[in-house]
Amino acid sequence: MTTSAIPIGIQNSEAVKINKMLRYLIVLNILDGLLTHIGVTTQYVVEVNRLMVDIVSNFQKLMLYKILLPTCALLLVMHIFHRCQYKDMPVARFFVKICFWVYLAILFLHIFWIVMVLYGFIS
């Protein structure tokens, strides 16, 4: 009889957590794209990434390059994680967690400028 080094319950709970983070990343990416587009087109904010300026100011490019392609990439990552049963990929799991927290921080920056606009600190 062989035993796994990681108990099944912990492995499953980690798999559920990573799967949720990947799903949230899709939502955070869409929110980031749309809120950035709104901020740039209304001229309340400036896109600091010079490569993205043309993309976030054009809705069709935004949908394709900022929302559709990353969403497809995240769905592919979800599929790969599922096929590998969420194991033997500690580096990949680490980067998913990093991406999740970075996107969450970016969402809070969007909320910050929206509040600044609503309260008249940015005009």
Protein backbone atom coordinates (compact mmCIF):
# COMPACT_ATOMS: atom_id res chain seq x y z
CA MET A 1 0.00 0.00 0.00
CA THR A 2 1.43 3.37 -1.05
CA THR A 3 0.57 6.70 0.44
CA SER A 4 0.75 10.11 -1.11
CA ALA A 5 3.09 12.71 0.38
CA ILE A 6 0.25 15.23 0.25
CA PRO A 7 -3.06 14.22 1.83
CA ILE A 8 -5.91 14.16 -0.68
CA GLY A 9 -7.93 16.77 1.23
CA ILE A 10 -5.11 19.31 1.11
CA GLN A 11 -4.43 18.63 -2.55
CA ASN A 12 -8.12 19.03 -3.42
CA SER A 13 -8.42 22.20 -1.38
CA GLU A 14 -5.37 23.67 -3.17
CA ALA A 15 -6.88 22.66 -6.52
CA VAL A 16 -10.16 24.39 -5.67
CA LYS A 17 -8.28 27.52 -4.53
CA ILE A 18 -6.20 27.70 -7.73
CA ASN A 19 -9.27 27.08 -9.89
CA LYS A 20 -11.13 29.91 -8.12
CA MET A 21 -8.14 32.23 -8.51
CA LEU A 22 -7.99 31.50 -12.24
CA ARG A 23 -11.70 32.23 -12.60
CA TYR A 24 -11.30 35.45 -10.61
CA LEU A 25 -8.34 36.38 -12.82
CA ILE A 26 -10.63 36.24 -15.84
CA VAL A 27 -13.11 38.57 -14.12
CA LEU A 28 -10.35 40.89 -12.86
CA ASN A 29 -8.83 41.07 -16.35
CA ILE A 30 -12.17 42.02 -17.89
CA LEU A 31 -12.81 44.64 -15.20
CA ASP A 32 -9.29 46.03 -15.63
CA GLY A 33 -9.74 46.34 -19.38
CA LEU A 34 -13.16 47.98 -19.23
CA LEU A 35 -12.32 50.36 -16.39
CA THR A 36 -9.05 51.36 -18.05
CA HIS A 37 -10.91 51.99 -21.32
CA ILE A 38 -13.47 54.16 -19.52
CA GLY A 39 -10.76 56.08 -17.68
CA VAL A 40 -8.63 56.66 -20.79
CA THR A 41 -11.49 57.63 -23.11
CA THR A 42 -12.95 60.04 -20.56
CA GLN A 43 -9.43 61.38 -19.95
CA TYR A 44 -9.61 60.88 -16.19
CA VAL A 45 -6.56 58.61 -16.26
CA VAL A 46 -3.58 58.03 -18.51
CA GLU A 47 -2.40 54.57 -19.54
CA VAL A 48 1.21 54.39 -18.38
CA ASN A 49 2.08 51.35 -20.49
CA ARG A 50 3.00 52.83 -23.87
CA LEU A 51 2.36 49.51 -25.61
CA MET A 52 -1.23 49.47 -24.36
CA VAL A 53 -2.23 53.11 -25.06
CA ASP A 54 -3.54 52.38 -28.56
CA ILE A 55 -5.24 49.19 -27.41
CA VAL A 56 -7.14 50.55 -24.40
CA SER A 57 -8.35 53.63 -26.27
CA ASN A 58 -9.85 51.53 -29.11
CA PHE A 59 -12.76 49.33 -27.95
CA GLN A 60 -12.37 46.68 -30.69
CA LYS A 61 -8.64 46.27 -29.97
CA LEU A 62 -9.38 46.24 -26.26
CA MET A 63 -11.87 43.41 -26.65
CA LEU A 64 -9.49 41.36 -28.79
CA TYR A 65 -6.06 41.95 -27.26
CA LYS A 66 -6.82 42.82 -23.65
CA ILE A 67 -9.89 40.74 -22.93
CA LEU A 68 -10.36 37.88 -25.42
CA LEU A 69 -6.75 36.68 -25.79
CA PRO A 70 -5.89 36.72 -22.06
CA THR A 71 -9.20 35.02 -21.28
CA CYS A 72 -8.40 32.25 -23.77
CA ALA A 73 -4.91 31.94 -22.27
CA LEU A 74 -6.36 31.65 -18.76
CA LEU A 75 -8.86 29.03 -19.94
CA LEU A 76 -5.94 27.09 -21.43
CA VAL A 77 -4.07 27.31 -18.12
CA MET A 78 -7.19 26.08 -16.32
CA HIS A 79 -7.37 23.15 -18.72
CA ILE A 80 -3.69 22.31 -18.23
CA PHE A 81 -4.05 22.47 -14.44
CA HIS A 82 -7.08 20.21 -14.64
CA ARG A 83 -5.31 17.70 -16.90
CA CYS A 84 -2.31 17.63 -14.53
CA GLN A 85 -4.65 17.31 -11.55
CA TYR A 86 -3.19 20.48 -10.01
CA LYS A 87 -0.01 18.76 -8.90
CA ASP A 88 3.67 18.83 -9.71
CA MET A 89 3.49 22.48 -10.78
CA PRO A 90 4.50 24.54 -7.74
CA VAL A 91 6.04 27.32 -9.84
CA ALA A 92 2.90 27.64 -11.97
CA ARG A 93 0.72 27.74 -8.85
CA PHE A 94 3.01 30.41 -7.39
CA PHE A 95 2.68 32.60 -10.51
CA VAL A 96 -1.10 32.20 -10.58
CA LYS A 97 -1.18 33.48 -7.01
CA ILE A 98 1.13 36.40 -7.86
CA CYS A 99 -1.02 37.34 -10.89
CA PHE A 100 -4.16 37.17 -8.78
CA TRP A 101 -2.80 39.55 -6.12
CA VAL A 102 -1.36 41.96 -8.70
CA TYR A 103 -4.68 42.15 -10.56
CA LEU A 104 -6.50 42.64 -7.27
CA ALA A 105 -4.18 45.57 -6.47
CA ILE A 106 -4.84 47.01 -9.93
CA LEU A 107 -8.58 46.76 -9.34
CA PHE A 108 -8.16 48.75 -6.11
CA LEU A 109 -6.27 51.42 -8.08
CA HIS A 110 -9.25 51.63 -10.45
CA ILE A 111 -11.61 51.94 -7.50
CA PHE A 112 -9.36 54.68 -6.09
CA TRP A 113 -9.50 56.84 -9.25
CA ILE A 114 -13.24 56.27 -9.62
CA VAL A 115 -13.78 57.49 -6.05
CA MET A 116 -11.47 60.46 -6.74
CA VAL A 117 -13.56 61.35 -9.82
CA LEU A 118 -16.88 60.92 -7.99
CA TYR A 119 -15.79 63.19 -5.15
CA GLY A 120 -14.38 65.81 -7.51
CA PHE A 121 -10.69 65.43 -6.71
CA ILE A 122 -10.01 64.67 -10.39
CA SER A 123 -11.76 66.72 -13.06
